[in-house]
Amino acid sequence: MLAALGIKEFAEDVYRTLLDQGEQGVAELAAALGAPSSRVRHALARLTALDLVRRIAPGRYRPVEPLTAVPALVSRRRVEMETALGRVQEEVADLAHAYQVGRLRYDPGRLVEVLSGRNAVNQRVDELTRAIRTHLWVLDRPPYLERPDGESDTNESETAGTRAMIERGVEVRSVYCPESMQRSGRFDTVVKLVALGEQARLLPDLPFKLRIMDRKVALVPLVGGSYDSLVVVHPSGLLDALIELFEAYWRRATPIARPARAESRDEPSEDDLLLLQMLKAGLKDQAIARQLGVSARTATRRIATIMARLGTETRFQAGAEAAARGWI
């Protein structure tokens, strides 16, 4: 019965004899069990270490009450097993990497998976996304993948998904470009995600779309204008190169920060600060209007008002002046 707790059959017999007879000496136990005294002493040493018996005098032992000793031992063993299993889980990734490297040596074709067809791409991306544990690094630009339910992402679904990853401790780093902001209200969504913990930056242009997951797999669309074919890159020199490429774009990009709340009438409102961030990001009037949910004419008028307020004549000057004032 007690084998699951690391107690061998003979040691359990010694413990049961003590429970039945009470305090006993080594010689008495050896006689009762018909076993050598040395074997009894070895079993008693094990039982003492597990706090199931106590040594009360040289060569004499008393059992600890089972309702006290056994539950405590169960809890102890559970902690030991959970710790051991945790170590095993930590080794799984290294074992999987070694397995992958070994297979690549005799079958380089396993370096990448090539997926064709929207359903196959959707399913594989969903599987890999659900498995993310530590890192999600993204070069973000169209085309965008449909969700498993066939619908496109919304600002709400993007916020929920990113929030869930951040709460799991995933490091989310994204580099966006003006083309990323085609969905109305997305720029404001990204700004709010920054407040939640996403690290976000902007570049005027990105050459392709890229996802790096846990620094162990990368996803790259094969065709720039569609998401019907995809390459899944596994640990290899190619993956290392893609990670270095992401880091290079990340270093070049401009951070997106959550606009500070205006503290006086002389400072811009949150909406104006958001508009200045979009100007700094290089968004055109039409894109800014789409993000703000207003007409292009209204967006142009608001841009002109801010530029006049800053005493500048160009968008670049407006961005530089706003940065100099510590607004963005």
C-alpha atoms as a PDB file:
ATOM      1  CA  MET A   1       0.000   0.000   0.000  1.00  0.00           C
ATOM      2  CA  LEU A   2       2.848   2.383   0.875  1.00  0.00           C
ATOM      3  CA  ALA A   3       5.035   1.592  -2.147  1.00  0.00           C
ATOM      4  CA  ALA A   4       3.767   4.749  -3.905  1.00  0.00           C
ATOM      5  CA  LEU A   5       5.346   6.734  -1.050  1.00  0.00           C
ATOM      6  CA  GLY A   6       8.759   5.175  -1.637  1.00  0.00           C
ATOM      7  CA  ILE A   7       8.433   2.535   1.109  1.00  0.00           C
ATOM      8  CA  LYS A   8       9.512  -1.002   0.239  1.00  0.00           C
ATOM      9  CA  GLU A   9       7.448  -4.023   1.294  1.00  0.00           C
ATOM     10  CA  PHE A  10       9.741  -5.092   4.146  1.00  0.00           C
ATOM     11  CA  ALA A  11       9.881  -1.570   5.606  1.00  0.00           C
ATOM     12  CA  GLU A  12       6.082  -1.464   5.504  1.00  0.00           C
ATOM     13  CA  ASP A  13       6.011  -4.803   7.384  1.00  0.00           C
ATOM     14  CA  VAL A  14       8.269  -3.287  10.055  1.00  0.00           C
ATOM     15  CA  TYR A  15       5.990  -0.252  10.355  1.00  0.00           C
ATOM     16  CA  ARG A  16       2.847  -2.402  10.606  1.00  0.00           C
ATOM     17  CA  THR A  17       4.471  -4.558  13.275  1.00  0.00           C
ATOM     18  CA  LEU A  18       5.290  -1.465  15.310  1.00  0.00           C
ATOM     19  CA  LEU A  19       1.694  -0.224  14.887  1.00  0.00           C
ATOM     20  CA  ASP A  20       0.454  -3.595  16.146  1.00  0.00           C
ATOM     21  CA  GLN A  21       2.959  -4.138  18.973  1.00  0.00           C
ATOM     22  CA  GLY A  22       3.797  -0.562  19.973  1.00  0.00           C
ATOM     23  CA  GLU A  23       7.299   0.370  21.126  1.00  0.00           C
ATOM     24  CA  GLN A  24       9.788  -2.334  20.084  1.00  0.00           C
ATOM     25  CA  GLY A  25      13.500  -2.997  19.988  1.00  0.00           C
ATOM     26  CA  VAL A  26      15.470  -4.138  16.955  1.00  0.00           C
ATOM     27  CA  ALA A  27      15.898  -7.664  18.334  1.00  0.00           C
ATOM     28  CA  GLU A  28      12.176  -7.996  19.055  1.00  0.00           C
ATOM     29  CA  LEU A  29      11.230  -6.839  15.565  1.00  0.00           C
ATOM     30  CA  ALA A  30      13.785  -9.158  13.963  1.00  0.00           C
ATOM     31  CA  ALA A  31      12.346 -12.099  15.913  1.00  0.00           C
ATOM     32  CA  ALA A  32       8.748 -11.160  15.062  1.00  0.00           C
ATOM     33  CA  LEU A  33       9.505 -10.824  11.347  1.00  0.00           C
ATOM     34  CA  GLY A  34      12.011 -13.684  11.125  1.00  0.00           C
ATOM     35  CA  ALA A  35      14.566 -11.381   9.520  1.00  0.00           C
ATOM     36  CA  PRO A  36      18.200 -10.415  10.233  1.00  0.00           C
ATOM     37  CA  SER A  37      18.693  -7.491  12.630  1.00  0.00           C
ATOM     38  CA  SER A  38      20.750  -5.628   9.997  1.00  0.00           C
ATOM     39  CA  ARG A  39      17.806  -5.656   7.609  1.00  0.00           C
ATOM     40  CA  VAL A  40      15.464  -4.406  10.337  1.00  0.00           C
ATOM     41  CA  ARG A  41      17.890  -1.580  11.221  1.00  0.00           C
ATOM     42  CA  HIS A  42      18.044  -0.520   7.532  1.00  0.00           C
ATOM     43  CA  ALA A  43      14.220  -0.452   7.316  1.00  0.00           C
ATOM     44  CA  LEU A  44      13.960   1.513  10.585  1.00  0.00           C
ATOM     45  CA  ALA A  45      16.458   4.088   9.296  1.00  0.00           C
ATOM     46  CA  ARG A  46      14.295   4.578   6.202  1.00  0.00           C
ATOM     47  CA  LEU A  47      11.086   4.845   8.257  1.00  0.00           C
ATOM     48  CA  THR A  48      12.740   7.333  10.624  1.00  0.00           C
ATOM     49  CA  ALA A  49      13.843   9.513   7.687  1.00  0.00           C
ATOM     50  CA  LEU A  50      10.243   9.535   6.481  1.00  0.00           C
ATOM     51  CA  ASP A  51       8.971  10.511   9.968  1.00  0.00           C
ATOM     52  CA  LEU A  52       6.906   7.321  10.284  1.00  0.00           C
ATOM     53  CA  VAL A  53       8.763   6.084  13.394  1.00  0.00           C
ATOM     54  CA  ARG A  54      10.795   7.734  16.142  1.00  0.00           C
ATOM     55  CA  ARG A  55      13.912   6.448  17.881  1.00  0.00           C
ATOM     56  CA  ILE A  56      13.218   6.762  21.606  1.00  0.00           C
ATOM     57  CA  ALA A  57      16.327   5.010  22.923  1.00  0.00           C
ATOM     58  CA  PRO A  58      19.303   3.167  21.469  1.00  0.00           C
ATOM     59  CA  GLY A  59      17.860   0.267  19.491  1.00  0.00           C
ATOM     60  CA  ARG A  60      14.236   1.051  20.407  1.00  0.00           C
ATOM     61  CA  TYR A  61      11.554   2.654  18.193  1.00  0.00           C
ATOM     62  CA  ARG A  62       7.972   3.874  18.464  1.00  0.00           C
ATOM     63  CA  PRO A  63       5.531   4.330  15.506  1.00  0.00           C
ATOM     64  CA  VAL A  64       4.122   7.770  14.685  1.00  0.00           C
ATOM     65  CA  GLU A  65       0.315   7.888  14.547  1.00  0.00           C
ATOM     66  CA  PRO A  66      -0.655   7.125  10.875  1.00  0.00           C
ATOM     67  CA  LEU A  67      -3.286   9.886  10.610  1.00  0.00           C
ATOM     68  CA  THR A  68      -0.480  12.350  11.321  1.00  0.00           C
ATOM     69  CA  ALA A  69       2.505  10.726   9.609  1.00  0.00           C
ATOM     70  CA  VAL A  70       1.045   9.369   6.364  1.00  0.00           C
ATOM     71  CA  PRO A  71      -0.803  12.519   5.123  1.00  0.00           C
ATOM     72  CA  ALA A  72       2.327  14.573   5.821  1.00  0.00           C
ATOM     73  CA  LEU A  73       4.389  12.065   3.834  1.00  0.00           C
ATOM     74  CA  VAL A  74       1.843  12.169   0.972  1.00  0.00           C
ATOM     75  CA  SER A  75       2.129  15.967   0.812  1.00  0.00           C
ATOM     76  CA  ARG A  76       5.912  15.755   0.856  1.00  0.00           C
ATOM     77  CA  ARG A  77       5.992  13.180  -1.918  1.00  0.00           C
ATOM     78  CA  ARG A  78       3.542  15.241  -3.980  1.00  0.00           C
ATOM     79  CA  VAL A  79       5.818  18.292  -3.780  1.00  0.00           C
ATOM     80  CA  GLU A  80       8.841  16.151  -4.706  1.00  0.00           C
ATOM     81  CA  MET A  81       6.998  14.651  -7.684  1.00  0.00           C
ATOM     82  CA  GLU A  82       5.751  18.039  -8.895  1.00  0.00           C
ATOM     83  CA  THR A  83       9.281  19.408  -8.652  1.00  0.00           C
ATOM     84  CA  ALA A  84      10.658  16.421 -10.557  1.00  0.00           C
ATOM     85  CA  LEU A  85       7.976  16.700 -13.240  1.00  0.00           C
ATOM     86  CA  GLY A  86       8.703  20.420 -13.547  1.00  0.00           C
ATOM     87  CA  ARG A  87      12.344  19.620 -14.270  1.00  0.00           C
ATOM     88  CA  VAL A  88      11.278  17.073 -16.873  1.00  0.00           C
ATOM     89  CA  GLN A  89       9.043  19.635 -18.573  1.00  0.00           C
ATOM     90  CA  GLU A  90      11.936  22.090 -18.671  1.00  0.00           C
ATOM     91  CA  GLU A  91      14.011  19.452 -20.444  1.00  0.00           C
ATOM     92  CA  VAL A  92      11.333  18.667 -23.032  1.00  0.00           C
ATOM     93  CA  ALA A  93      12.130  21.726 -25.140  1.00  0.00           C
ATOM     94  CA  ASP A  94      15.842  20.855 -25.162  1.00  0.00           C
ATOM     95  CA  LEU A  95      15.068  17.249 -26.064  1.00  0.00           C
ATOM     96  CA  ALA A  96      12.739  18.367 -28.851  1.00  0.00           C
ATOM     97  CA  HIS A  97      15.420  20.715 -30.168  1.00  0.00           C
ATOM     98  CA  ALA A  98      18.027  17.935 -30.120  1.00  0.00           C
ATOM     99  CA  TYR A  99      15.575  15.643 -31.915  1.00  0.00           C
ATOM    100  CA  GLN A 100      14.874  18.296 -34.546  1.00  0.00           C
ATOM    101  CA  VAL A 101      18.578  18.992 -35.103  1.00  0.00           C
ATOM    102  CA  GLY A 102      19.290  15.272 -35.416  1.00  0.00           C
ATOM    103  CA  ARG A 103      16.568  14.796 -38.012  1.00  0.00           C
ATOM    104  CA  LEU A 104      17.740  17.800 -39.985  1.00  0.00           C
ATOM    105  CA  ARG A 105      21.185  16.242 -40.342  1.00  0.00           C
ATOM    106  CA  TYR A 106      19.837  13.364 -42.411  1.00  0.00           C
ATOM    107  CA  ASP A 107      16.683  15.031 -43.759  1.00  0.00           C
ATOM    108  CA  PRO A 108      17.198  18.778 -44.418  1.00  0.00           C
ATOM    109  CA  GLY A 109      13.686  18.929 -45.895  1.00  0.00           C
ATOM    110  CA  ARG A 110      12.398  19.040 -42.333  1.00  0.00           C
ATOM    111  CA  LEU A 111      13.917  22.480 -41.965  1.00  0.00           C
ATOM    112  CA  VAL A 112      10.612  23.967 -43.124  1.00  0.00           C
ATOM    113  CA  GLU A 113       6.968  23.057 -43.503  1.00  0.00           C
ATOM    114  CA  VAL A 114       5.299  24.420 -46.605  1.00  0.00           C
ATOM    115  CA  LEU A 115       1.549  24.825 -46.131  1.00  0.00           C
ATOM    116  CA  SER A 116      -0.883  25.463 -48.973  1.00  0.00           C
ATOM    117  CA  GLY A 117      -4.577  26.319 -48.787  1.00  0.00           C
ATOM    118  CA  ARG A 118      -6.336  28.688 -46.425  1.00  0.00           C
ATOM    119  CA  ASN A 119      -7.760  25.951 -44.177  1.00  0.00           C
ATOM    120  CA  ALA A 120      -4.389  24.246 -43.701  1.00  0.00           C
ATOM    121  CA  VAL A 121      -2.707  27.578 -42.987  1.00  0.00           C
ATOM    122  CA  ASN A 122      -5.428  28.665 -40.536  1.00  0.00           C
ATOM    123  CA  GLN A 123      -5.276  25.378 -38.624  1.00  0.00           C
ATOM    124  CA  ARG A 124      -1.474  25.262 -38.319  1.00  0.00           C
ATOM    125  CA  VAL A 125      -1.171  28.913 -37.282  1.00  0.00           C
ATOM    126  CA  ASP A 126      -3.881  28.398 -34.657  1.00  0.00           C
ATOM    127  CA  GLU A 127      -2.043  25.332 -33.275  1.00  0.00           C
ATOM    128  CA  LEU A 128       1.274  27.174 -33.059  1.00  0.00           C
ATOM    129  CA  THR A 129      -0.305  30.294 -31.539  1.00  0.00           C
ATOM    130  CA  ARG A 130      -1.983  28.274 -28.798  1.00  0.00           C
ATOM    131  CA  ALA A 131       1.395  26.697 -27.961  1.00  0.00           C
ATOM    132  CA  ILE A 132       3.212  30.025 -27.401  1.00  0.00           C
ATOM    133  CA  ARG A 133       4.814  30.157 -23.951  1.00  0.00           C
ATOM    134  CA  THR A 134       7.530  32.843 -23.851  1.00  0.00           C
ATOM    135  CA  HIS A 135       7.840  35.086 -26.943  1.00  0.00           C
ATOM    136  CA  LEU A 136       5.750  36.453 -29.779  1.00  0.00           C
ATOM    137  CA  TRP A 137       7.655  38.782 -32.113  1.00  0.00           C
ATOM    138  CA  VAL A 138       5.849  40.185 -35.130  1.00  0.00           C
ATOM    139  CA  LEU A 139       6.551  42.219 -38.232  1.00  0.00           C
ATOM    140  CA  ASP A 140       2.970  43.289 -38.874  1.00  0.00           C
ATOM    141  CA  ARG A 141       1.512  44.120 -42.267  1.00  0.00           C
ATOM    142  CA  PRO A 142      -1.280  42.771 -44.476  1.00  0.00           C
ATOM    143  CA  PRO A 143      -2.450  40.209 -45.427  1.00  0.00           C
ATOM    144  CA  TYR A 144      -4.152  39.129 -42.223  1.00  0.00           C
ATOM    145  CA  LEU A 145      -5.196  35.626 -41.306  1.00  0.00           C
ATOM    146  CA  GLU A 146      -8.804  34.764 -40.564  1.00  0.00           C
ATOM    147  CA  ARG A 147      -9.598  33.453 -37.100  1.00  0.00           C
ATOM    148  CA  PRO A 148     -10.532  29.753 -36.693  1.00  0.00           C
ATOM    149  CA  ASP A 149     -14.225  30.731 -36.812  1.00  0.00           C
ATOM    150  CA  GLY A 150     -13.709  32.218 -40.279  1.00  0.00           C
ATOM    151  CA  GLU A 151     -14.117  35.808 -39.116  1.00  0.00           C
ATOM    152  CA  SER A 152     -11.526  38.565 -39.377  1.00  0.00           C
ATOM    153  CA  ASP A 153      -9.876  40.022 -36.296  1.00  0.00           C
ATOM    154  CA  THR A 154     -11.514  43.016 -34.650  1.00  0.00           C
ATOM    155  CA  ASN A 155     -10.008  45.539 -32.273  1.00  0.00           C
ATOM    156  CA  GLU A 156     -11.789  43.729 -29.441  1.00  0.00           C
ATOM    157  CA  SER A 157     -10.539  40.248 -30.411  1.00  0.00           C
ATOM    158  CA  GLU A 158      -6.976  41.537 -30.889  1.00  0.00           C
ATOM    159  CA  THR A 159      -7.067  43.169 -27.471  1.00  0.00           C
ATOM    160  CA  ALA A 160      -8.406  40.008 -25.806  1.00  0.00           C
ATOM    161  CA  GLY A 161      -5.847  37.746 -27.474  1.00  0.00           C
ATOM    162  CA  THR A 162      -2.869  39.972 -26.716  1.00  0.00           C
ATOM    163  CA  ARG A 163      -4.025  40.592 -23.139  1.00  0.00           C
ATOM    164  CA  ALA A 164      -4.267  36.823 -22.550  1.00  0.00           C
ATOM    165  CA  MET A 165      -0.703  36.295 -23.790  1.00  0.00           C
ATOM    166  CA  ILE A 166       0.703  39.129 -21.694  1.00  0.00           C
ATOM    167  CA  GLU A 167      -1.072  37.778 -18.601  1.00  0.00           C
ATOM    168  CA  ARG A 168       0.596  34.387 -19.273  1.00  0.00           C
ATOM    169  CA  GLY A 169       3.965  36.118 -19.210  1.00  0.00           C
ATOM    170  CA  VAL A 170       4.551  36.109 -22.979  1.00  0.00           C
ATOM    171  CA  GLU A 171       6.836  38.862 -24.263  1.00  0.00           C
ATOM    172  CA  VAL A 172       4.916  40.509 -27.125  1.00  0.00           C
ATOM    173  CA  ARG A 173       6.974  42.718 -29.445  1.00  0.00           C
ATOM    174  CA  SER A 174       5.450  44.096 -32.652  1.00  0.00           C
ATOM    175  CA  VAL A 175       6.762  46.301 -35.434  1.00  0.00           C
ATOM    176  CA  TYR A 176       3.927  47.989 -37.348  1.00  0.00           C
ATOM    177  CA  CYS A 177       3.819  50.090 -40.519  1.00  0.00           C
ATOM    178  CA  PRO A 178       1.170  52.460 -41.958  1.00  0.00           C
ATOM    179  CA  GLU A 179      -0.385  49.554 -43.890  1.00  0.00           C
ATOM    180  CA  SER A 180      -1.044  47.857 -40.530  1.00  0.00           C
ATOM    181  CA  MET A 181      -3.579  50.572 -39.715  1.00  0.00           C
ATOM    182  CA  GLN A 182      -6.182  49.875 -42.398  1.00  0.00           C
ATOM    183  CA  ARG A 183      -8.731  48.686 -39.815  1.00  0.00           C
ATOM    184  CA  SER A 184     -10.597  51.588 -38.249  1.00  0.00           C
ATOM    185  CA  GLY A 185      -9.470  52.316 -34.698  1.00  0.00           C
ATOM    186  CA  ARG A 186      -6.490  49.962 -34.782  1.00  0.00           C
ATOM    187  CA  PHE A 187      -3.887  52.595 -33.968  1.00  0.00           C
ATOM    188  CA  ASP A 188      -5.714  53.464 -30.745  1.00  0.00           C
ATOM    189  CA  THR A 189      -6.016  49.723 -30.025  1.00  0.00           C
ATOM    190  CA  VAL A 190      -2.240  49.322 -30.367  1.00  0.00           C
ATOM    191  CA  VAL A 191      -1.665  52.304 -28.072  1.00  0.00           C
ATOM    192  CA  LYS A 192      -3.922  50.684 -25.457  1.00  0.00           C
ATOM    193  CA  LEU A 193      -2.104  47.360 -25.854  1.00  0.00           C
ATOM    194  CA  VAL A 194       1.144  49.188 -25.101  1.00  0.00           C
ATOM    195  CA  ALA A 195      -0.421  50.251 -21.805  1.00  0.00           C
ATOM    196  CA  LEU A 196      -1.188  46.560 -21.118  1.00  0.00           C
ATOM    197  CA  GLY A 197       2.407  45.492 -21.748  1.00  0.00           C
ATOM    198  CA  GLU A 198       2.913  45.004 -25.472  1.00  0.00           C
ATOM    199  CA  GLN A 199       6.126  46.514 -26.826  1.00  0.00           C
ATOM    200  CA  ALA A 200       5.197  48.224 -30.107  1.00  0.00           C
ATOM    201  CA  ARG A 201       7.200  50.169 -32.670  1.00  0.00           C
ATOM    202  CA  LEU A 202       6.650  51.730 -36.084  1.00  0.00           C
ATOM    203  CA  LEU A 203       8.494  51.818 -39.405  1.00  0.00           C
ATOM    204  CA  PRO A 204       7.473  53.612 -42.611  1.00  0.00           C
ATOM    205  CA  ASP A 205       7.494  50.291 -44.457  1.00  0.00           C
ATOM    206  CA  LEU A 206       7.961  46.561 -43.922  1.00  0.00           C
ATOM    207  CA  PRO A 207       8.970  44.225 -46.765  1.00  0.00           C
ATOM    208  CA  PHE A 208       7.063  41.160 -45.553  1.00  0.00           C
ATOM    209  CA  LYS A 209       5.060  39.682 -42.705  1.00  0.00           C
ATOM    210  CA  LEU A 210       6.826  37.625 -40.010  1.00  0.00           C
ATOM    211  CA  ARG A 211       5.928  35.890 -36.762  1.00  0.00           C
ATOM    212  CA  ILE A 212       8.528  34.404 -34.422  1.00  0.00           C
ATOM    213  CA  MET A 213       7.160  32.197 -31.637  1.00  0.00           C
ATOM    214  CA  ASP A 214       9.193  31.310 -28.545  1.00  0.00           C
ATOM    215  CA  ARG A 215      12.311  31.891 -30.673  1.00  0.00           C
ATOM    216  CA  LYS A 216      11.809  28.310 -31.880  1.00  0.00           C
ATOM    217  CA  VAL A 217       9.579  28.662 -34.929  1.00  0.00           C
ATOM    218  CA  ALA A 218       8.934  31.375 -37.505  1.00  0.00           C
ATOM    219  CA  LEU A 219       6.019  31.901 -39.894  1.00  0.00           C
ATOM    220  CA  VAL A 220       6.507  33.626 -43.245  1.00  0.00           C
ATOM    221  CA  PRO A 221       3.853  33.910 -46.005  1.00  0.00           C
ATOM    222  CA  LEU A 222       5.145  32.641 -49.342  1.00  0.00           C
ATOM    223  CA  VAL A 223       3.204  35.189 -51.383  1.00  0.00           C
ATOM    224  CA  GLY A 224       3.175  38.797 -50.225  1.00  0.00           C
ATOM    225  CA  GLY A 225      -0.396  39.644 -51.180  1.00  0.00           C
ATOM    226  CA  SER A 226      -2.199  36.606 -49.766  1.00  0.00           C
ATOM    227  CA  TYR A 227      -2.212  34.222 -46.820  1.00  0.00           C
ATOM    228  CA  ASP A 228      -2.952  31.026 -48.761  1.00  0.00           C
ATOM    229  CA  SER A 229       0.575  29.626 -48.478  1.00  0.00           C
ATOM    230  CA  LEU A 230       2.938  29.702 -45.550  1.00  0.00           C
ATOM    231  CA  VAL A 231       6.423  28.541 -44.592  1.00  0.00           C
ATOM    232  CA  VAL A 232       6.955  27.282 -41.036  1.00  0.00           C
ATOM    233  CA  VAL A 233      10.666  27.509 -40.208  1.00  0.00           C
ATOM    234  CA  HIS A 234      12.013  25.237 -37.467  1.00  0.00           C
ATOM    235  CA  PRO A 235      15.247  25.630 -35.407  1.00  0.00           C
ATOM    236  CA  SER A 236      18.070  26.114 -37.892  1.00  0.00           C
ATOM    237  CA  GLY A 237      20.441  28.665 -39.316  1.00  0.00           C
ATOM    238  CA  LEU A 238      17.512  30.057 -41.300  1.00  0.00           C
ATOM    239  CA  LEU A 239      15.512  30.659 -38.112  1.00  0.00           C
ATOM    240  CA  ASP A 240      18.534  32.334 -36.516  1.00  0.00           C
ATOM    241  CA  ALA A 241      18.749  34.646 -39.535  1.00  0.00           C
ATOM    242  CA  LEU A 242      15.058  35.564 -39.264  1.00  0.00           C
ATOM    243  CA  ILE A 243      15.496  36.353 -35.567  1.00  0.00           C
ATOM    244  CA  GLU A 244      18.455  38.614 -36.396  1.00  0.00           C
ATOM    245  CA  LEU A 245      16.385  40.263 -39.135  1.00  0.00           C
ATOM    246  CA  PHE A 246      13.565  40.997 -36.703  1.00  0.00           C
ATOM    247  CA  GLU A 247      16.027  42.465 -34.213  1.00  0.00           C
ATOM    248  CA  ALA A 248      17.449  44.733 -36.948  1.00  0.00           C
ATOM    249  CA  TYR A 249      14.009  46.100 -37.850  1.00  0.00           C
ATOM    250  CA  TRP A 250      13.185  46.460 -34.152  1.00  0.00           C
ATOM    251  CA  ARG A 251      16.268  48.606 -33.537  1.00  0.00           C
ATOM    252  CA  ARG A 252      15.389  50.880 -36.475  1.00  0.00           C
ATOM    253  CA  ALA A 253      11.734  51.329 -35.497  1.00  0.00           C
ATOM    254  CA  THR A 254      10.241  54.159 -33.453  1.00  0.00           C
ATOM    255  CA  PRO A 255       8.552  53.165 -30.155  1.00  0.00           C
ATOM    256  CA  ILE A 256       4.823  53.729 -29.749  1.00  0.00           C
ATOM    257  CA  ALA A 257       4.016  55.172 -26.340  1.00  0.00           C
ATOM    258  CA  ARG A 258       0.684  55.710 -24.658  1.00  0.00           C
ATOM    259  CA  PRO A 259      -0.062  59.464 -24.801  1.00  0.00           C
ATOM    260  CA  ALA A 260       0.184  61.179 -21.441  1.00  0.00           C
ATOM    261  CA  ARG A 261      -3.013  62.685 -20.083  1.00  0.00           C
ATOM    262  CA  ALA A 262      -3.139  66.459 -20.486  1.00  0.00           C
ATOM    263  CA  GLU A 263      -2.440  68.199 -17.185  1.00  0.00           C
ATOM    264  CA  SER A 264      -3.280  71.752 -18.246  1.00  0.00           C
ATOM    265  CA  ARG A 265      -5.173  73.641 -20.905  1.00  0.00           C
ATOM    266  CA  ASP A 266      -1.922  74.401 -22.707  1.00  0.00           C
ATOM    267  CA  GLU A 267      -1.238  70.712 -23.344  1.00  0.00           C
ATOM    268  CA  PRO A 268      -2.948  68.684 -26.094  1.00  0.00           C
ATOM    269  CA  SER A 269      -5.830  66.341 -25.412  1.00  0.00           C
ATOM    270  CA  GLU A 270      -5.426  62.560 -25.599  1.00  0.00           C
ATOM    271  CA  ASP A 271      -7.054  62.626 -29.056  1.00  0.00           C
ATOM    272  CA  ASP A 272      -4.548  65.223 -30.248  1.00  0.00           C
ATOM    273  CA  LEU A 273      -1.656  63.211 -28.830  1.00  0.00           C
ATOM    274  CA  LEU A 274      -2.948  60.134 -30.639  1.00  0.00           C
ATOM    275  CA  LEU A 275      -3.137  62.140 -33.864  1.00  0.00           C
ATOM    276  CA  LEU A 276       0.456  63.324 -33.366  1.00  0.00           C
ATOM    277  CA  GLN A 277       1.569  59.705 -32.896  1.00  0.00           C
ATOM    278  CA  MET A 278      -0.074  58.808 -36.195  1.00  0.00           C
ATOM    279  CA  LEU A 279       1.586  61.767 -37.936  1.00  0.00           C
ATOM    280  CA  LYS A 280       4.908  60.616 -36.533  1.00  0.00           C
ATOM    281  CA  ALA A 281       4.149  57.101 -37.812  1.00  0.00           C
ATOM    282  CA  GLY A 282       3.722  58.447 -41.327  1.00  0.00           C
ATOM    283  CA  LEU A 283      -0.007  57.826 -41.722  1.00  0.00           C
ATOM    284  CA  LYS A 284      -1.701  59.860 -44.454  1.00  0.00           C
ATOM    285  CA  ASP A 285      -4.883  61.897 -43.989  1.00  0.00           C
ATOM    286  CA  GLN A 286      -7.160  59.104 -45.230  1.00  0.00           C
ATOM    287  CA  ALA A 287      -5.589  56.562 -42.865  1.00  0.00           C
ATOM    288  CA  ILE A 288      -5.752  58.988 -39.938  1.00  0.00           C
ATOM    289  CA  ALA A 289      -9.405  59.709 -40.706  1.00  0.00           C
ATOM    290  CA  ARG A 290     -10.147  55.976 -40.731  1.00  0.00           C
ATOM    291  CA  GLN A 291      -8.454  55.540 -37.354  1.00  0.00           C
ATOM    292  CA  LEU A 292     -10.315  58.474 -35.827  1.00  0.00           C
ATOM    293  CA  GLY A 293     -13.640  57.582 -37.399  1.00  0.00           C
ATOM    294  CA  VAL A 294     -13.996  60.964 -39.078  1.00  0.00           C
ATOM    295  CA  SER A 295     -13.988  62.275 -42.645  1.00  0.00           C
ATOM    296  CA  ALA A 296     -10.712  62.963 -44.439  1.00  0.00           C
ATOM    297  CA  ARG A 297     -11.634  66.669 -44.464  1.00  0.00           C
ATOM    298  CA  THR A 298     -12.079  66.686 -40.690  1.00  0.00           C
ATOM    299  CA  ALA A 299      -8.782  64.874 -40.195  1.00  0.00           C
ATOM    300  CA  THR A 300      -6.982  67.362 -42.443  1.00  0.00           C
ATOM    301  CA  ARG A 301      -8.513  70.252 -40.512  1.00  0.00           C
ATOM    302  CA  ARG A 302      -7.436  68.793 -37.172  1.00  0.00           C
ATOM    303  CA  ILE A 303      -3.892  68.244 -38.477  1.00  0.00           C
ATOM    304  CA  ALA A 304      -3.730  71.848 -39.663  1.00  0.00           C
ATOM    305  CA  THR A 305      -4.978  73.054 -36.276  1.00  0.00           C
ATOM    306  CA  ILE A 306      -2.277  71.133 -34.399  1.00  0.00           C
ATOM    307  CA  MET A 307       0.447  72.311 -36.787  1.00  0.00           C
ATOM    308  CA  ALA A 308      -0.659  75.903 -36.288  1.00  0.00           C
ATOM    309  CA  ARG A 309      -0.733  75.449 -32.539  1.00  0.00           C
ATOM    310  CA  LEU A 310       2.836  74.138 -32.658  1.00  0.00           C
ATOM    311  CA  GLY A 311       3.916  76.952 -34.986  1.00  0.00           C
ATOM    312  CA  THR A 312       5.132  74.518 -37.655  1.00  0.00           C
ATOM    313  CA  GLU A 313       4.644  74.334 -41.409  1.00  0.00           C
ATOM    314  CA  THR A 314       5.236  70.629 -42.134  1.00  0.00           C
ATOM    315  CA  ARG A 315       4.195  67.357 -40.558  1.00  0.00           C
ATOM    316  CA  PHE A 316       7.829  66.481 -39.878  1.00  0.00           C
ATOM    317  CA  GLN A 317       8.315  69.770 -38.052  1.00  0.00           C
ATOM    318  CA  ALA A 318       5.121  69.128 -36.076  1.00  0.00           C
ATOM    319  CA  GLY A 319       6.378  65.715 -34.974  1.00  0.00           C
ATOM    320  CA  ALA A 320       9.782  67.104 -34.033  1.00  0.00           C
ATOM    321  CA  GLU A 321       8.256  69.982 -32.065  1.00  0.00           C
ATOM    322  CA  ALA A 322       5.813  67.688 -30.262  1.00  0.00           C
ATOM    323  CA  ALA A 323       8.704  65.394 -29.329  1.00  0.00           C
ATOM    324  CA  ALA A 324      10.769  68.394 -28.157  1.00  0.00           C
ATOM    325  CA  ARG A 325       7.912  69.413 -25.871  1.00  0.00           C
ATOM    326  CA  GLY A 326       7.746  65.891 -24.463  1.00  0.00           C
ATOM    327  CA  TRP A 327       4.264  65.238 -25.787  1.00  0.00           C
ATOM    328  CA  ILE A 328       5.163  62.106 -27.752  1.00  0.00           C
END
